[in-house]
Protein backbone atom coordinates (compact mmCIF):
# COMPACT_ATOMS: atom_id res chain seq x y z
CA PHE A 1 154.08 10.18 -122.24
CA LEU A 2 154.72 7.17 -120.05
CA PHE A 3 151.42 5.79 -121.22
CA VAL A 4 152.40 6.27 -124.88
CA ARG A 5 155.73 4.45 -124.38
CA SER A 6 153.97 1.59 -122.63
CA LEU A 7 151.52 1.33 -125.52
CA VAL A 8 154.32 1.29 -128.08
CA ALA A 9 156.25 -1.38 -126.15
CA LEU A 10 153.18 -3.54 -125.73
CA SER A 11 152.33 -3.39 -129.42
CA ALA A 12 155.90 -4.29 -130.42
CA LEU A 13 155.94 -7.30 -128.09
CA ASP A 14 152.56 -8.45 -129.17
CA GLY A 15 153.55 -8.49 -132.77
CA GLY A 16 150.16 -7.23 -133.83
CA LEU A 17 150.67 -3.84 -135.39
CA PRO A 18 153.82 -2.65 -137.08
CA VAL A 19 155.90 -0.44 -134.82
CA GLY A 20 155.64 2.57 -137.13
CA LEU A 21 151.86 2.45 -137.14
CA THR A 22 151.76 1.98 -133.39
CA VAL A 23 153.97 5.04 -132.95
CA GLU A 24 151.79 7.08 -135.26
CA LEU A 25 148.65 6.01 -133.38
CA SER A 26 150.31 6.76 -130.07
CA VAL A 27 151.35 10.22 -131.22
CA ALA A 28 147.85 10.89 -132.57
CA PHE A 29 146.34 9.69 -129.29
CA ALA A 30 148.70 11.87 -127.27
CA ALA A 31 147.93 14.88 -129.48
CA ALA A 32 144.21 14.25 -129.04
CA LEU A 33 144.67 14.08 -125.28
CA VAL A 34 146.62 17.35 -125.23
CA LEU A 35 144.10 19.06 -127.49
CA SER A 36 141.09 17.87 -125.46
CA GLY A 37 142.82 18.96 -122.26
CA TYR A 38 143.53 22.39 -123.73
CA LEU A 39 139.93 22.75 -124.95
CA GLY A 40 138.60 21.46 -121.62
CA PHE A 41 140.64 23.96 -119.66
CA GLY A 42 139.56 26.72 -122.02
CA VAL A 43 135.86 25.90 -121.63
CA VAL A 44 136.17 25.44 -117.88
CA GLY A 45 138.18 28.65 -117.60
CA CYS A 46 135.53 30.57 -119.54
CA LEU A 47 132.76 29.06 -117.38
CA LEU A 48 134.63 29.88 -114.18
CA ARG A 49 135.27 33.46 -115.34
CA ASP A 50 131.57 34.04 -116.13
CA LEU A 51 130.43 32.32 -112.92
CA GLY A 52 132.84 34.56 -111.03
CA SER A 53 131.34 37.63 -112.70
CA LEU A 54 127.85 36.54 -111.71
CA ARG A 55 128.95 35.74 -108.15
CA ASP A 56 130.77 39.09 -107.83
CA ALA A 57 127.71 41.00 -109.03
CA MET A 58 125.46 39.16 -106.57
CA SER A 59 127.88 39.78 -103.70
CA ALA A 60 128.20 43.46 -104.54
CA THR A 61 124.40 43.84 -104.72
CA GLN A 62 124.01 42.10 -101.41
CA ARG A 63 126.66 44.34 -99.87
CA ASP A 64 125.51 47.75 -101.15
CA GLY A 65 121.86 47.14 -102.13
CA ASP A 66 122.30 48.70 -105.60
CA LEU A 67 119.49 47.17 -107.64
CA ARG A 68 120.64 48.93 -110.83
CA ARG A 69 123.60 46.59 -111.24
CA VAL A 70 123.38 44.48 -114.41
CA VAL A 71 125.34 41.31 -115.18
CA ARG A 72 126.41 41.25 -118.84
CA LEU A 73 127.18 37.76 -120.06
CA GLU A 74 126.98 37.20 -123.80
CA ARG A 75 126.04 33.54 -123.54
CA ARG A 76 123.17 31.46 -124.86
CA ASP A 77 123.58 28.59 -122.40
CA GLU A 78 122.29 27.92 -118.89
CA LEU A 79 124.75 30.39 -117.36
CA GLY A 80 123.51 33.12 -119.70
CA ARG A 81 119.91 32.33 -118.75
CA MET A 82 120.87 32.53 -115.06
CA ALA A 83 122.38 35.97 -115.61
CA ASP A 84 119.27 37.09 -117.50
CA ALA A 85 117.03 35.77 -114.70
CA TYR A 86 119.15 37.61 -112.11
CA ASN A 87 118.88 40.85 -114.09
CA ALA A 88 115.09 40.39 -114.44
CA MET A 89 114.78 39.73 -110.70
CA LEU A 90 116.65 42.96 -109.91
CA ALA A 91 114.43 44.88 -112.35
CA ASN A 92 111.32 43.48 -110.62
CA LEU A 93 112.72 44.42 -107.20
CA GLN A 94 113.36 47.94 -108.48
CA ALA A 95 109.76 48.21 -109.69
CA ILE A 96 108.45 46.95 -106.35
CA LEU A 97 110.63 49.43 -104.48
CA ILE A 98 109.43 52.29 -106.67
CA ASN A 99 105.80 51.29 -105.98
CA VAL A 100 106.46 51.11 -102.23
CA GLN A 101 108.10 54.55 -102.28
CA GLN A 102 105.14 56.02 -104.19
CA ALA A 103 102.69 54.41 -101.76
CA ALA A 104 104.67 55.87 -98.84
CA ARG A 105 104.56 59.34 -100.44
CA ASP A 106 100.81 59.02 -101.07
CA THR A 107 100.22 57.85 -97.51
CA GLY A 108 102.22 60.80 -96.16
CA MET A 109 100.19 63.26 -98.23
CA GLN A 110 96.92 61.67 -97.10
CA SER A 111 98.07 61.71 -93.47
CA ARG A 112 98.85 65.43 -93.72
CA SER A 113 95.43 66.01 -95.28
CA VAL A 114 93.68 64.07 -92.50
CA ALA A 115 95.70 65.97 -89.88
CA GLY A 116 94.61 69.28 -91.45
CA ALA A 117 90.98 68.18 -91.49
CA SER A 118 91.26 67.07 -87.86
CA ASP A 119 92.68 70.46 -86.89
CA SER A 120 89.80 72.17 -88.70
CA VAL A 121 87.22 69.97 -86.95
CA ALA A 122 88.86 70.69 -83.59
CA ARG A 123 88.70 74.46 -84.23
CA GLU A 124 85.04 74.25 -85.30
CA ALA A 125 84.22 72.12 -82.25
CA SER A 126 85.80 74.78 -80.04
CA VAL A 127 83.67 77.49 -81.70
CA VAL A 128 80.51 75.39 -81.24
CA SER A 129 81.44 74.71 -77.61
CA ASP A 130 81.93 78.42 -76.98
CA ALA A 131 78.58 79.17 -78.64
CA ALA A 132 76.87 76.48 -76.56
CA ALA A 133 78.39 77.93 -73.39
CA SER A 134 77.15 81.41 -74.34
CA THR A 135 73.71 80.02 -75.11
CA ALA A 136 73.63 78.19 -71.78
CA ALA A 137 74.53 81.42 -69.94
CA ALA A 138 71.80 83.30 -71.82
CA VAL A 139 69.27 80.55 -71.01
CA GLU A 140 70.28 80.80 -67.34
CA GLN A 141 69.73 84.57 -67.40
CA VAL A 142 66.35 84.14 -69.09
CA THR A 143 65.41 81.48 -66.52
CA VAL A 144 66.30 83.85 -63.68
CA ALA A 145 64.36 86.67 -65.35
CA ILE A 146 61.35 84.43 -65.85
CA GLY A 147 61.54 83.47 -62.17
CA GLU A 148 61.56 87.13 -61.19
CA VAL A 149 58.64 87.87 -63.51
CA ALA A 150 56.73 84.90 -62.07
CA GLY A 151 57.41 86.19 -58.55
CA ASN A 152 56.24 89.68 -59.51
CA VAL A 153 53.13 88.25 -61.18
CA GLU A 154 52.37 86.31 -58.02
CA LYS A 155 52.72 89.48 -55.95
CA ALA A 156 50.56 91.37 -58.44
CA THR A 157 47.96 88.60 -58.28
CA GLN A 158 47.92 88.74 -54.50
CA ALA A 159 47.69 92.52 -54.56
CA ALA A 160 44.83 92.33 -57.09
CA ARG A 161 43.00 89.82 -54.91
CA ALA A 162 43.56 91.96 -51.89
CA SER A 163 42.27 95.00 -53.81
CA ALA A 164 39.28 93.03 -55.05
CA SER A 165 38.57 91.87 -51.53
CA ASP A 166 38.90 95.44 -50.20
CA ALA A 167 36.65 96.67 -52.98
CA GLU A 168 34.02 94.08 -52.16
CA HIS A 169 34.32 94.90 -48.56
CA GLY A 170 33.96 98.62 -49.40
CA ILE A 171 30.88 97.92 -51.57
CA ASP A 172 29.35 95.89 -48.77
CA MET A 173 30.00 98.69 -46.37
CA SER A 174 28.51 101.27 -48.63
CA HIS A 175 25.34 99.21 -49.09
CA ARG A 176 24.68 98.99 -45.56
């Protein structure tokens, strides 16, 4: 109001405007200042309240990791668009997380399947190894038996030669 009084005093000294009109203008100016201040504080207060809500939601999400949190601001200005963008970002993160969880489940199932197949292959390999070992033992026995047969054949061949030689010798003796 000091400004208003100074304005009134200056106008009265100047002699320009009548004092009554100067007072009326001063009162109107003061009322306009008060009204604009009230409106300014109201708008700023509303902005600060909504910014605080957005900040609190972001802080809480950062603290507890809850991606289901939604910021509800019924605004059609830049602050409302920021809140909508934040909500969309959280929805996208949720979708990504769901996809990662599903991929992890699928990978776990496939790993168990591969492990089962590996166990089956290991069991079959053991059976084949046992069969190969049995076959090798049988081949060894057959080899030994063939060696014995070959030795006996050699002896039989020698005995047959000796008999043939004795027979020839006997025939020669009888012809004489």
